[in-house]
PDB file of all heavy atoms in Angstrom:
ATOM      1  N   GLY A   1     -39.086  14.448  -2.719  1.00  0.00           N
ATOM      2  CA  GLY A   1     -37.723  14.016  -2.762  1.00  0.00           C
ATOM      3  C   GLY A   1     -36.838  15.118  -2.319  1.00  0.00           C
ATOM      4  O   GLY A   1     -36.980  15.671  -1.203  1.00  0.00           O
ATOM      5  N   ASP A   2     -35.883  15.451  -3.218  1.00  0.00           N
ATOM      6  CA  ASP A   2     -34.927  16.509  -2.779  1.00  0.00           C
ATOM      7  C   ASP A   2     -35.283  17.866  -3.410  1.00  0.00           C
ATOM      8  O   ASP A   2     -34.511  18.777  -3.372  1.00  0.00           O
ATOM      9  CB  ASP A   2     -33.485  16.102  -3.161  1.00  0.00           C
ATOM     10  CG  ASP A   2     -33.289  15.939  -4.731  1.00  0.00           C
ATOM     11  OD1 ASP A   2     -34.303  15.960  -5.395  1.00  0.00           O
ATOM     12  OD2 ASP A   2     -32.105  15.776  -5.173  1.00  0.00           O
ATOM     13  N   VAL A   3     -36.483  17.993  -3.986  1.00  0.00           N
ATOM     14  CA  VAL A   3     -36.939  19.254  -4.579  1.00  0.00           C
ATOM     15  C   VAL A   3     -37.856  19.974  -3.697  1.00  0.00           C
ATOM     16  O   VAL A   3     -38.832  19.458  -3.109  1.00  0.00           O
ATOM     17  CB  VAL A   3     -37.670  18.913  -5.890  1.00  0.00           C
ATOM     18  CG1 VAL A   3     -38.291  20.171  -6.518  1.00  0.00           C
ATOM     19  CG2 VAL A   3     -36.675  18.294  -6.943  1.00  0.00           C
ATOM     20  N   HIS A   4     -37.530  21.277  -3.518  1.00  0.00           N
ATOM     21  CA  HIS A   4     -38.364  22.219  -2.777  1.00  0.00           C
ATOM     22  C   HIS A   4     -39.076  23.083  -3.838  1.00  0.00           C
ATOM     23  O   HIS A   4     -38.381  23.913  -4.510  1.00  0.00           O
ATOM     24  CB  HIS A   4     -37.572  23.009  -1.763  1.00  0.00           C
ATOM     25  CG  HIS A   4     -37.162  22.255  -0.625  1.00  0.00           C
ATOM     26  ND1 HIS A   4     -37.249  22.680   0.681  1.00  0.00           N
ATOM     27  CD2 HIS A   4     -36.515  21.032  -0.532  1.00  0.00           C
ATOM     28  CE1 HIS A   4     -36.779  21.800   1.496  1.00  0.00           C
ATOM     29  NE2 HIS A   4     -36.325  20.779   0.781  1.00  0.00           N
ATOM     30  N   ARG A   5     -40.383  23.101  -3.910  1.00  0.00           N
ATOM     31  CA  ARG A   5     -41.088  23.847  -4.914  1.00  0.00           C
ATOM     32  C   ARG A   5     -42.017  24.877  -4.256  1.00  0.00           C
ATOM     33  O   ARG A   5     -42.759  24.519  -3.362  1.00  0.00           O
ATOM     34  CB  ARG A   5     -41.971  22.891  -5.806  1.00  0.00           C
ATOM     35  CG  ARG A   5     -42.820  23.597  -6.807  1.00  0.00           C
ATOM     36  CD  ARG A   5     -43.413  22.713  -7.822  1.00  0.00           C
ATOM     37  NE  ARG A   5     -44.505  23.265  -8.629  1.00  0.00           N
ATOM     38  CZ  ARG A   5     -44.656  23.059  -9.874  1.00  0.00           C
ATOM     39  NH1 ARG A   5     -43.807  22.326 -10.571  1.00  0.00           N
ATOM     40  NH2 ARG A   5     -45.694  23.566 -10.505  1.00  0.00           N
ATOM     41  N   TYR A   6     -41.868  26.103  -4.663  1.00  0.00           N
ATOM     42  CA  TYR A   6     -42.536  27.259  -4.120  1.00  0.00           C
ATOM     43  C   TYR A   6     -43.562  27.737  -5.147  1.00  0.00           C
ATOM     44  O   TYR A   6     -43.262  28.089  -6.245  1.00  0.00           O
ATOM     45  CB  TYR A   6     -41.601  28.380  -3.722  1.00  0.00           C
ATOM     46  CG  TYR A   6     -40.528  27.935  -2.767  1.00  0.00           C
ATOM     47  CD1 TYR A   6     -39.380  27.230  -3.126  1.00  0.00           C
ATOM     48  CD2 TYR A   6     -40.708  28.288  -1.362  1.00  0.00           C
ATOM     49  CE1 TYR A   6     -38.438  26.895  -2.218  1.00  0.00           C
ATOM     50  CE2 TYR A   6     -39.705  27.854  -0.456  1.00  0.00           C
ATOM     51  CZ  TYR A   6     -38.655  27.152  -0.893  1.00  0.00           C
ATOM     52  OH  TYR A   6     -37.641  26.795  -0.016  1.00  0.00           O
ATOM     53  N   GLY A   7     -44.852  27.891  -4.723  1.00  0.00           N
ATOM     54  CA  GLY A   7     -45.922  28.381  -5.517  1.00  0.00           C
ATOM     55  C   GLY A   7     -46.042  29.941  -5.441  1.00  0.00           C
ATOM     56  O   GLY A   7     -46.016  30.411  -4.328  1.00  0.00           O
ATOM     57  N   PHE A   8     -46.300  30.530  -6.618  1.00  0.00           N
ATOM     58  CA  PHE A   8     -46.507  32.024  -6.716  1.00  0.00           C
ATOM     59  C   PHE A   8     -47.739  32.270  -7.571  1.00  0.00           C
ATOM     60  O   PHE A   8     -47.644  32.770  -8.663  1.00  0.00           O
ATOM     61  CB  PHE A   8     -45.330  32.719  -7.222  1.00  0.00           C
ATOM     62  CG  PHE A   8     -44.212  32.837  -6.211  1.00  0.00           C
ATOM     63  CD1 PHE A   8     -43.214  31.862  -6.120  1.00  0.00           C
ATOM     64  CD2 PHE A   8     -44.139  33.945  -5.383  1.00  0.00           C
ATOM     65  CE1 PHE A   8     -42.242  31.930  -5.192  1.00  0.00           C
ATOM     66  CE2 PHE A   8     -43.122  34.042  -4.410  1.00  0.00           C
ATOM     67  CZ  PHE A   8     -42.103  33.028  -4.337  1.00  0.00           C
ATOM     68  N   PRO A   9     -48.940  31.771  -7.195  1.00  0.00           N
ATOM     69  CA  PRO A   9     -50.102  31.983  -8.049  1.00  0.00           C
ATOM     70  C   PRO A   9     -50.464  33.435  -8.159  1.00  0.00           C
ATOM     71  O   PRO A   9     -50.305  34.254  -7.181  1.00  0.00           O
ATOM     72  CB  PRO A   9     -51.150  31.233  -7.233  1.00  0.00           C
ATOM     73  CG  PRO A   9     -50.740  31.209  -5.819  1.00  0.00           C
ATOM     74  CD  PRO A   9     -49.211  31.112  -5.907  1.00  0.00           C
ATOM     75  N   ARG A  10     -50.966  33.843  -9.321  1.00  0.00           N
ATOM     76  CA  ARG A  10     -51.430  35.191  -9.541  1.00  0.00           C
ATOM     77  C   ARG A  10     -52.829  35.404  -9.081  1.00  0.00           C
ATOM     78  O   ARG A  10     -53.729  35.595  -9.942  1.00  0.00           O
ATOM     79  CB  ARG A  10     -51.226  35.568 -11.029  1.00  0.00           C
ATOM     80  CG  ARG A  10     -49.796  35.693 -11.472  1.00  0.00           C
ATOM     81  CD  ARG A  10     -48.968  36.765 -10.675  1.00  0.00           C
ATOM     82  NE  ARG A  10     -49.473  38.103 -10.744  1.00  0.00           N
ATOM     83  CZ  ARG A  10     -49.007  39.046 -11.543  1.00  0.00           C
ATOM     84  NH1 ARG A  10     -47.994  38.810 -12.346  1.00  0.00           N
ATOM     85  NH2 ARG A  10     -49.549  40.214 -11.519  1.00  0.00           N
ATOM     86  N   SER A  11     -53.043  35.314  -7.802  1.00  0.00           N
ATOM     87  CA  SER A  11     -54.328  35.462  -7.182  1.00  0.00           C
ATOM     88  C   SER A  11     -54.886  36.856  -7.304  1.00  0.00           C
ATOM     89  O   SER A  11     -56.027  37.111  -7.074  1.00  0.00           O
ATOM     90  CB  SER A  11     -54.360  34.964  -5.769  1.00  0.00           C
ATOM     91  OG  SER A  11     -53.297  35.642  -5.056  1.00  0.00           O
ATOM     92  N   ASP A  12     -53.988  37.780  -7.685  1.00  0.00           N
ATOM     93  CA  ASP A  12     -54.360  39.204  -7.844  1.00  0.00           C
ATOM     94  C   ASP A  12     -55.072  39.476  -9.142  1.00  0.00           C
ATOM     95  O   ASP A  12     -55.704  40.495  -9.349  1.00  0.00           O
ATOM     96  CB  ASP A  12     -53.146  40.096  -7.753  1.00  0.00           C
ATOM     97  CG  ASP A  12     -52.091  39.755  -8.820  1.00  0.00           C
ATOM     98  OD1 ASP A  12     -51.704  38.536  -8.995  1.00  0.00           O
ATOM     99  OD2 ASP A  12     -51.672  40.692  -9.547  1.00  0.00           O
ATOM    100  N   LEU A  13     -54.892  38.551 -10.103  1.00  0.00           N
ATOM    101  CA  LEU A  13     -55.449  38.784 -11.501  1.00  0.00           C
ATOM    102  C   LEU A  13     -56.885  38.238 -11.596  1.00  0.00           C
ATOM    103  O   LEU A  13     -57.201  37.164 -11.034  1.00  0.00           O
ATOM    104  CB  LEU A  13     -54.523  38.157 -12.553  1.00  0.00           C
ATOM    105  CG  LEU A  13     -53.113  38.684 -12.580  1.00  0.00           C
ATOM    106  CD1 LEU A  13     -52.308  37.954 -13.663  1.00  0.00           C
ATOM    107  CD2 LEU A  13     -53.160  40.236 -12.933  1.00  0.00           C
ATOM    108  N   LYS A  14     -57.730  38.920 -12.380  1.00  0.00           N
ATOM    109  CA  LYS A  14     -58.994  38.453 -12.748  1.00  0.00           C
ATOM    110  C   LYS A  14     -58.983  38.229 -14.248  1.00  0.00           C
ATOM    111  O   LYS A  14     -59.218  39.134 -15.010  1.00  0.00           O
ATOM    112  CB  LYS A  14     -60.104  39.504 -12.375  1.00  0.00           C
ATOM    113  CG  LYS A  14     -60.079  39.907 -10.882  1.00  0.00           C
ATOM    114  CD  LYS A  14     -60.344  38.658  -9.942  1.00  0.00           C
ATOM    115  CE  LYS A  14     -60.304  39.192  -8.454  1.00  0.00           C
ATOM    116  NZ  LYS A  14     -60.389  37.999  -7.554  1.00  0.00           N
ATOM    117  N   VAL A  15     -58.690  36.980 -14.650  1.00  0.00           N
ATOM    118  CA  VAL A  15     -58.503  36.651 -16.009  1.00  0.00           C
ATOM    119  C   VAL A  15     -59.736  35.825 -16.491  1.00  0.00           C
ATOM    120  O   VAL A  15     -60.176  34.881 -15.822  1.00  0.00           O
ATOM    121  CB  VAL A  15     -57.210  35.824 -16.220  1.00  0.00           C
ATOM    122  CG1 VAL A  15     -57.079  35.409 -17.676  1.00  0.00           C
ATOM    123  CG2 VAL A  15     -55.978  36.591 -15.775  1.00  0.00           C
ATOM    124  N   ALA A  16     -60.248  36.173 -17.623  1.00  0.00           N
ATOM    125  CA  ALA A  16     -61.482  35.578 -18.255  1.00  0.00           C
ATOM    126  C   ALA A  16     -61.072  35.062 -19.632  1.00  0.00           C
ATOM    127  O   ALA A  16     -60.379  35.672 -20.369  1.00  0.00           O
ATOM    128  CB  ALA A  16     -62.632  36.466 -18.260  1.00  0.00           C
ATOM    129  N   LEU A  17     -61.627  33.924 -19.972  1.00  0.00           N
ATOM    130  CA  LEU A  17     -61.428  33.321 -21.306  1.00  0.00           C
ATOM    131  C   LEU A  17     -62.688  32.579 -21.700  1.00  0.00           C
ATOM    132  O   LEU A  17     -63.158  31.685 -20.993  1.00  0.00           O
ATOM    133  CB  LEU A  17     -60.248  32.311 -21.247  1.00  0.00           C
ATOM    134  CG  LEU A  17     -60.078  31.461 -22.470  1.00  0.00           C
ATOM    135  CD1 LEU A  17     -59.949  32.328 -23.746  1.00  0.00           C
ATOM    136  CD2 LEU A  17     -58.733  30.634 -22.329  1.00  0.00           C
ATOM    137  N   ASP A  18     -63.315  33.038 -22.810  1.00  0.00           N
ATOM    138  CA  ASP A  18     -64.526  32.405 -23.303  1.00  0.00           C
ATOM    139  C   ASP A  18     -65.598  32.339 -22.234  1.00  0.00           C
ATOM    140  O   ASP A  18     -66.322  31.353 -22.111  1.00  0.00           O
ATOM    141  CB  ASP A  18     -64.273  31.058 -23.834  1.00  0.00           C
ATOM    142  CG  ASP A  18     -63.377  31.008 -25.071  1.00  0.00           C
ATOM    143  OD1 ASP A  18     -63.166  32.103 -25.650  1.00  0.00           O
ATOM    144  OD2 ASP A  18     -62.819  29.899 -25.440  1.00  0.00           O
ATOM    145  N   GLY A  19     -65.696  33.366 -21.386  1.00  0.00           N
ATOM    146  CA  GLY A  19     -66.658  33.478 -20.421  1.00  0.00           C
ATOM    147  C   GLY A  19     -66.345  32.733 -19.125  1.00  0.00           C
ATOM    148  O   GLY A  19     -67.118  32.761 -18.139  1.00  0.00           O
ATOM    149  N   VAL A  20     -65.208  32.114 -19.082  1.00  0.00           N
ATOM    150  CA  VAL A  20     -64.768  31.339 -17.887  1.00  0.00           C
ATOM    151  C   VAL A  20     -63.835  32.246 -17.055  1.00  0.00           C
ATOM    152  O   VAL A  20     -62.846  32.783 -17.560  1.00  0.00           O
ATOM    153  CB  VAL A  20     -64.074  30.080 -18.227  1.00  0.00           C
ATOM    154  CG1 VAL A  20     -63.547  29.296 -16.992  1.00  0.00           C
ATOM    155  CG2 VAL A  20     -64.996  29.183 -19.107  1.00  0.00           C
ATOM    156  N   SER A  21     -64.116  32.365 -15.765  1.00  0.00           N
ATOM    157  CA  SER A  21     -63.150  33.084 -14.927  1.00  0.00           C
ATOM    158  C   SER A  21     -62.089  32.104 -14.428  1.00  0.00           C
ATOM    159  O   SER A  21     -62.327  31.129 -13.788  1.00  0.00           O
ATOM    160  CB  SER A  21     -63.958  33.607 -13.599  1.00  0.00           C
ATOM    161  OG  SER A  21     -63.072  34.303 -12.801  1.00  0.00           O
ATOM    162  N   ILE A  22     -60.859  32.397 -14.855  1.00  0.00           N
ATOM    163  CA  ILE A  22     -59.754  31.434 -14.654  1.00  0.00           C
ATOM    164  C   ILE A  22     -59.311  31.400 -13.242  1.00  0.00           C
ATOM    165  O   ILE A  22     -58.894  32.367 -12.706  1.00  0.00           O
ATOM    166  CB  ILE A  22     -58.584  31.797 -15.627  1.00  0.00           C
ATOM    167  CG1 ILE A  22     -58.971  31.802 -17.065  1.00  0.00           C
ATOM    168  CG2 ILE A  22     -57.418  30.841 -15.392  1.00  0.00           C
ATOM    169  CD1 ILE A  22     -59.380  30.535 -17.656  1.00  0.00           C
ATOM    170  N   ALA A  23     -59.369  30.248 -12.587  1.00  0.00           N
ATOM    171  CA  ALA A  23     -58.867  30.024 -11.252  1.00  0.00           C
ATOM    172  C   ALA A  23     -57.323  30.095 -11.303  1.00  0.00           C
ATOM    173  O   ALA A  23     -56.766  29.552 -12.299  1.00  0.00           O
ATOM    174  CB  ALA A  23     -59.371  28.754 -10.668  1.00  0.00           C
ATOM    175  N   PRO A  24     -56.672  30.590 -10.311  1.00  0.00           N
ATOM    176  CA  PRO A  24     -55.192  30.584 -10.355  1.00  0.00           C
ATOM    177  C   PRO A  24     -54.582  29.215 -10.601  1.00  0.00           C
ATOM    178  O   PRO A  24     -53.636  29.009 -11.309  1.00  0.00           O
ATOM    179  CB  PRO A  24     -54.841  31.202  -8.936  1.00  0.00           C
ATOM    180  CG  PRO A  24     -55.966  32.126  -8.649  1.00  0.00           C
ATOM    181  CD  PRO A  24     -57.137  31.402  -9.202  1.00  0.00           C
ATOM    182  N   ALA A  25     -55.213  28.193 -10.009  1.00  0.00           N
ATOM    183  CA  ALA A  25     -54.670  26.785 -10.171  1.00  0.00           C
ATOM    184  C   ALA A  25     -54.897  26.203 -11.508  1.00  0.00           C
ATOM    185  O   ALA A  25     -54.256  25.245 -11.812  1.00  0.00           O
ATOM    186  CB  ALA A  25     -55.310  25.907  -9.076  1.00  0.00           C
ATOM    187  N   LEU A  26     -55.767  26.815 -12.327  1.00  0.00           N
ATOM    188  CA  LEU A  26     -55.997  26.356 -13.638  1.00  0.00           C
ATOM    189  C   LEU A  26     -54.862  26.740 -14.631  1.00  0.00           C
ATOM    190  O   LEU A  26     -54.378  25.891 -15.325  1.00  0.00           O
ATOM    191  CB  LEU A  26     -57.360  26.857 -14.189  1.00  0.00           C
ATOM    192  CG  LEU A  26     -57.740  26.329 -15.593  1.00  0.00           C
ATOM    193  CD1 LEU A  26     -57.946  24.802 -15.610  1.00  0.00           C
ATOM    194  CD2 LEU A  26     -58.901  27.072 -16.145  1.00  0.00           C
ATOM    195  N   ALA A  27     -54.530  28.030 -14.563  1.00  0.00           N
ATOM    196  CA  ALA A  27     -53.535  28.475 -15.586  1.00  0.00           C
ATOM    197  C   ALA A  27     -52.669  29.681 -15.141  1.00  0.00           C
ATOM    198  O   ALA A  27     -52.001  30.270 -15.906  1.00  0.00           O
ATOM    199  CB  ALA A  27     -54.275  28.915 -16.836  1.00  0.00           C
ATOM    200  N   LEU A  28     -52.739  30.037 -13.856  1.00  0.00           N
ATOM    201  CA  LEU A  28     -52.034  31.244 -13.388  1.00  0.00           C
ATOM    202  C   LEU A  28     -51.106  30.925 -12.160  1.00  0.00           C
ATOM    203  O   LEU A  28     -50.792  31.766 -11.369  1.00  0.00           O
ATOM    204  CB  LEU A  28     -53.041  32.302 -12.929  1.00  0.00           C
ATOM    205  CG  LEU A  28     -54.097  32.703 -13.981  1.00  0.00           C
ATOM    206  CD1 LEU A  28     -55.136  33.656 -13.348  1.00  0.00           C
ATOM    207  CD2 LEU A  28     -53.404  33.336 -15.189  1.00  0.00           C
ATOM    208  N   GLY A  29     -50.621  29.676 -12.150  1.00  0.00           N
ATOM    209  CA  GLY A  29     -49.877  29.168 -11.062  1.00  0.00           C
ATOM    210  C   GLY A  29     -48.358  29.237 -11.249  1.00  0.00           C
ATOM    211  O   GLY A  29     -47.716  28.268 -11.683  1.00  0.00           O
ATOM    212  N   GLY A  30     -47.771  30.450 -10.980  1.00  0.00           N
ATOM    213  CA  GLY A  30     -46.311  30.510 -11.094  1.00  0.00           C
ATOM    214  C   GLY A  30     -45.680  29.662 -10.013  1.00  0.00           C
ATOM    215  O   GLY A  30     -46.228  29.413  -8.966  1.00  0.00           O
ATOM    216  N   TRP A  31     -44.412  29.182 -10.314  1.00  0.00           N
ATOM    217  CA  TRP A  31     -43.654  28.381  -9.385  1.00  0.00           C
ATOM    218  C   TRP A  31     -42.130  28.430  -9.582  1.00  0.00           C
ATOM    219  O   TRP A  31     -41.675  28.842 -10.609  1.00  0.00           O
ATOM    220  CB  TRP A  31     -44.119  26.877  -9.535  1.00  0.00           C
ATOM    221  CG  TRP A  31     -43.957  26.329 -10.942  1.00  0.00           C
ATOM    222  CD1 TRP A  31     -44.846  26.380 -11.961  1.00  0.00           C
ATOM    223  CD2 TRP A  31     -42.791  25.688 -11.479  1.00  0.00           C
ATOM    224  NE1 TRP A  31     -44.299  25.829 -13.072  1.00  0.00           N
ATOM    225  CE2 TRP A  31     -43.041  25.361 -12.826  1.00  0.00           C
ATOM    226  CE3 TRP A  31     -41.544  25.300 -10.933  1.00  0.00           C
ATOM    227  CZ2 TRP A  31     -42.132  24.701 -13.600  1.00  0.00           C
ATOM    228  CZ3 TRP A  31     -40.607  24.642 -11.776  1.00  0.00           C
ATOM    229  CH2 TRP A  31     -40.964  24.360 -13.079  1.00  0.00           C
ATOM    230  N   LEU A  32     -41.439  28.052  -8.516  1.00  0.00           N
ATOM    231  CA  LEU A  32     -39.979  27.929  -8.552  1.00  0.00           C
ATOM    232  C   LEU A  32     -39.617  26.673  -7.835  1.00  0.00           C
ATOM    233  O   LEU A  32     -40.105  26.389  -6.713  1.00  0.00           O
ATOM    234  CB  LEU A  32     -39.309  29.091  -7.809  1.00  0.00           C
ATOM    235  CG  LEU A  32     -39.648  30.524  -8.342  1.00  0.00           C
ATOM    236  CD1 LEU A  32     -39.203  31.550  -7.365  1.00  0.00           C
ATOM    237  CD2 LEU A  32     -38.932  30.719  -9.633  1.00  0.00           C
ATOM    238  N   ALA A  33     -38.710  25.881  -8.456  1.00  0.00           N
ATOM    239  CA  ALA A  33     -38.296  24.612  -7.894  1.00  0.00           C
ATOM    240  C   ALA A  33     -36.755  24.600  -7.676  1.00  0.00           C
ATOM    241  O   ALA A  33     -36.008  24.858  -8.617  1.00  0.00           O
ATOM    242  CB  ALA A  33     -38.735  23.433  -8.802  1.00  0.00           C
ATOM    243  N   PHE A  34     -36.350  24.284  -6.480  1.00  0.00           N
ATOM    244  CA  PHE A  34     -34.869  24.254  -6.174  1.00  0.00           C
ATOM    245  C   PHE A  34     -34.507  22.822  -5.925  1.00  0.00           C
ATOM    246  O   PHE A  34     -35.166  22.078  -5.240  1.00  0.00           O
ATOM    247  CB  PHE A  34     -34.617  25.065  -4.892  1.00  0.00           C
ATOM    248  CG  PHE A  34     -34.760  26.521  -5.028  1.00  0.00           C
ATOM    249  CD1 PHE A  34     -35.984  27.131  -5.089  1.00  0.00           C
ATOM    250  CD2 PHE A  34     -33.631  27.330  -4.975  1.00  0.00           C
ATOM    251  CE1 PHE A  34     -36.091  28.525  -5.212  1.00  0.00           C
ATOM    252  CE2 PHE A  34     -33.698  28.731  -5.072  1.00  0.00           C
ATOM    253  CZ  PHE A  34     -34.951  29.287  -5.211  1.00  0.00           C
ATOM    254  N   LYS A  35     -33.353  22.400  -6.520  1.00  0.00           N
ATOM    255  CA  LYS A  35     -32.869  21.013  -6.434  1.00  0.00           C
ATOM    256  C   LYS A  35     -31.354  21.002  -6.331  1.00  0.00           C
ATOM    257  O   LYS A  35     -30.672  21.689  -7.107  1.00  0.00           O
ATOM    258  CB  LYS A  35     -33.289  20.215  -7.727  1.00  0.00           C
ATOM    259  CG  LYS A  35     -32.773  18.803  -7.686  1.00  0.00           C
ATOM    260  CD  LYS A  35     -33.196  18.140  -9.036  1.00  0.00           C
ATOM    261  CE  LYS A  35     -32.751  16.659  -9.076  1.00  0.00           C
ATOM    262  NZ  LYS A  35     -33.325  15.817  -8.056  1.00  0.00           N
ATOM    263  N   PRO A  36     -30.800  20.275  -5.337  1.00  0.00           N
ATOM    264  CA  PRO A  36     -29.293  20.183  -5.244  1.00  0.00           C
ATOM    265  C   PRO A  36     -28.799  19.566  -6.495  1.00  0.00           C
ATOM    266  O   PRO A  36     -29.376  18.639  -7.101  1.00  0.00           O
ATOM    267  CB  PRO A  36     -29.116  19.189  -4.023  1.00  0.00           C
ATOM    268  CG  PRO A  36     -30.386  19.315  -3.284  1.00  0.00           C
ATOM    269  CD  PRO A  36     -31.506  19.587  -4.200  1.00  0.00           C
TER     270      PRO A  36
END
């Protein structure tokens, strides 16, 4: 629509939780959304 959303995933981080290596898209996906 009229929203421009920019992704800033923390692909630099190696985060683990309960033996799972967290993919950026799972829980490390920073973002900014601009709307008139």
